[in-house]
Amino acid sequence: MKEYKKTPNLAIVPFPTKSATTAIAPLQFPKDNISDEWERLLLQVQCINQMAAQLESMILEFKAIASKLQEKGKPHNSTCEYLAVTIPWVRQQSDESFILTNRKVDLFQAEKDAQQLAQQLRQQSRSKELRSQ
C-alpha cells in the first residue's frame, strides 16, 4: 500500500476585510419608467374595454337587422341562430391588479326589458281600474 504524506494542518485565516458601513441598495427602476408604463397599461385597458363596448353594440345591431329580415319573411326558414356570446373585458381589482376576462352579451336583453315594461304598464293599468271602481 502506498503511504500518503501528511500535510501540516493549516488553519483557515480570513482575509482582512473592511467593515461594511452602508448596505447595497436593491435594484430599483427609475420612477418615471414605471409611471409611464403604468399609464400605458391604463390606456390599454381603456382601449380594450372601449373596443369591447363597440363590439357589443355592433353584435346587438347585427341581431336587430337579422330580426327585421326574419319579420319581413325572408325566403329562408331562419336568418340567424343565436348562441352564447362573450366579449373580452378587463376588470381592475381593489388591489389595483387587472383581470383579463370575458363578459357575457345578453342578446335578448331588449326583449326582456320590453316584456318587463309591458307587464309593469298592465299592472299599473289594473290598479288604476280597481281604484276607480
Protein backbone atom coordinates (compact mmCIF):
# COMPACT_ATOMS: atom_id res chain seq x y z
CA MET A 1 0.00 0.00 0.00
CA LYS A 2 1.01 3.49 -0.74
CA GLU A 3 1.58 5.76 2.11
CA TYR A 4 0.47 9.33 1.78
CA LYS A 5 2.42 12.15 3.27
CA LYS A 6 0.66 14.04 5.93
CA THR A 7 0.37 17.72 5.28
CA PRO A 8 0.58 20.13 8.14
CA ASN A 9 -2.78 21.32 9.45
CA LEU A 10 -3.22 24.79 8.01
CA ALA A 11 -5.66 26.97 9.84
CA ILE A 12 -8.02 28.93 7.65
CA VAL A 13 -7.28 32.56 8.14
CA PRO A 14 -9.90 35.01 6.90
CA PHE A 15 -8.78 37.71 4.55
CA PRO A 16 -8.77 41.10 6.12
CA THR A 17 -11.93 42.96 5.09
CA LYS A 18 -13.22 46.43 5.65
CA SER A 19 -16.30 46.57 7.80
CA ALA A 20 -19.38 47.43 5.76
CA THR A 21 -20.92 50.69 6.83
CA THR A 22 -23.51 51.02 4.06
CA ALA A 23 -25.82 48.41 2.61
CA ILE A 24 -26.13 47.84 -1.10
CA ALA A 25 -29.36 49.39 -2.30
CA PRO A 26 -31.74 46.95 -4.02
CA LEU A 27 -32.19 47.34 -7.75
CA GLN A 28 -34.83 49.95 -8.40
CA PHE A 29 -36.34 51.01 -11.67
CA PRO A 30 -36.46 54.70 -12.35
CA LYS A 31 -39.78 56.09 -11.14
CA ASP A 32 -40.62 57.78 -14.43
CA ASN A 33 -40.36 54.49 -16.39
CA ILE A 34 -42.75 52.71 -14.03
CA SER A 35 -45.28 55.53 -14.06
CA ASP A 36 -45.03 55.77 -17.87
CA GLU A 37 -45.61 52.04 -18.22
CA TRP A 38 -48.49 52.18 -15.73
CA GLU A 39 -50.11 54.96 -17.77
CA ARG A 40 -49.67 52.88 -20.93
CA LEU A 41 -51.29 49.91 -19.19
CA LEU A 42 -54.27 52.01 -18.06
CA LEU A 43 -54.71 53.38 -21.58
CA GLN A 44 -54.59 49.85 -22.97
CA VAL A 45 -57.30 48.76 -20.51
CA GLN A 46 -59.49 51.67 -21.58
CA CYS A 47 -58.90 50.88 -25.24
CA ILE A 48 -59.76 47.17 -24.83
CA ASN A 49 -62.94 47.95 -22.89
CA GLN A 50 -63.99 50.66 -25.36
CA MET A 51 -63.49 48.29 -28.29
CA ALA A 52 -65.43 45.60 -26.41
CA ALA A 53 -68.33 48.02 -25.89
CA GLN A 54 -68.28 48.89 -29.60
CA LEU A 55 -68.21 45.20 -30.50
CA GLU A 56 -71.18 44.54 -28.20
CA SER A 57 -73.10 47.37 -29.85
CA MET A 58 -72.33 46.01 -33.32
CA ILE A 59 -73.41 42.50 -32.29
CA LEU A 60 -76.73 43.83 -30.97
CA GLU A 61 -77.23 45.82 -34.18
CA PHE A 62 -76.50 42.68 -36.19
CA LYS A 63 -79.21 40.86 -34.22
CA ALA A 64 -81.69 43.70 -34.79
CA ILE A 65 -81.09 43.64 -38.55
CA ALA A 66 -81.41 39.84 -38.66
CA SER A 67 -84.67 40.05 -36.68
CA LYS A 68 -86.11 42.60 -39.12
CA LEU A 69 -85.24 40.34 -42.03
CA GLN A 70 -86.93 37.45 -40.24
CA GLU A 71 -90.09 39.53 -39.63
CA LYS A 72 -90.25 40.57 -43.30
CA GLY A 73 -90.48 36.94 -44.32
CA LYS A 74 -87.05 36.23 -45.70
CA PRO A 75 -87.28 33.21 -48.02
CA HIS A 76 -85.11 31.06 -45.74
CA ASN A 77 -86.50 29.41 -42.63
CA SER A 78 -84.07 31.11 -40.30
CA THR A 79 -81.92 34.18 -40.77
CA CYS A 80 -79.63 33.61 -37.82
CA GLU A 81 -79.07 31.23 -34.93
CA TYR A 82 -78.00 32.77 -31.64
CA LEU A 83 -75.58 31.03 -29.30
CA ALA A 84 -73.92 32.33 -26.15
CA VAL A 85 -71.72 35.33 -26.91
CA THR A 86 -68.94 36.80 -24.80
CA ILE A 87 -66.56 39.68 -25.37
CA PRO A 88 -63.13 40.31 -23.82
CA TRP A 89 -63.16 42.64 -20.84
CA VAL A 90 -60.55 43.95 -18.39
CA ARG A 91 -61.53 44.50 -14.77
CA GLN A 92 -59.43 46.17 -12.10
CA GLN A 93 -59.36 44.63 -8.64
CA SER A 94 -59.38 46.57 -5.37
CA ASP A 95 -55.62 45.92 -5.07
CA GLU A 96 -55.19 47.65 -8.48
CA SER A 97 -54.31 44.42 -10.28
CA PHE A 98 -56.12 43.58 -13.51
CA ILE A 99 -58.11 40.58 -14.68
CA LEU A 100 -58.50 39.91 -18.39
CA THR A 101 -61.78 38.05 -18.64
CA ASN A 102 -64.93 37.68 -20.74
CA ARG A 103 -68.26 39.41 -20.30
CA LYS A 104 -71.49 37.79 -21.46
CA VAL A 105 -73.55 39.66 -24.05
CA ASP A 106 -77.28 39.16 -23.48
CA LEU A 107 -78.68 39.16 -27.00
CA PHE A 108 -82.24 39.11 -25.71
CA GLN A 109 -81.99 41.90 -23.10
CA ALA A 110 -84.06 44.33 -25.20
CA GLU A 111 -86.89 41.79 -25.48
CA LYS A 112 -86.74 41.08 -21.74
CA ASP A 113 -86.84 44.80 -20.95
CA ALA A 114 -89.82 45.30 -23.29
CA GLN A 115 -91.72 42.41 -21.68
CA GLN A 116 -91.00 43.73 -18.19
CA LEU A 117 -92.13 47.24 -19.14
CA ALA A 118 -95.33 45.88 -20.72
CA GLN A 119 -96.05 43.87 -17.57
CA GLN A 120 -95.49 46.93 -15.35
CA LEU A 121 -97.81 49.04 -17.52
CA ARG A 122 -100.52 46.35 -17.38
CA GLN A 123 -100.23 46.19 -13.58
CA GLN A 124 -100.45 49.99 -13.30
CA SER A 125 -103.48 50.00 -15.57
CA ARG A 126 -105.21 47.28 -13.49
CA SER A 127 -104.50 49.08 -10.23
CA LYS A 128 -105.96 52.33 -11.65
CA GLU A 129 -109.07 50.45 -12.79
CA LEU A 130 -109.50 48.90 -9.34
CA ARG A 131 -109.13 52.29 -7.63
CA SER A 132 -111.69 53.91 -9.91
CA GLN A 133 -114.35 51.27 -9.14
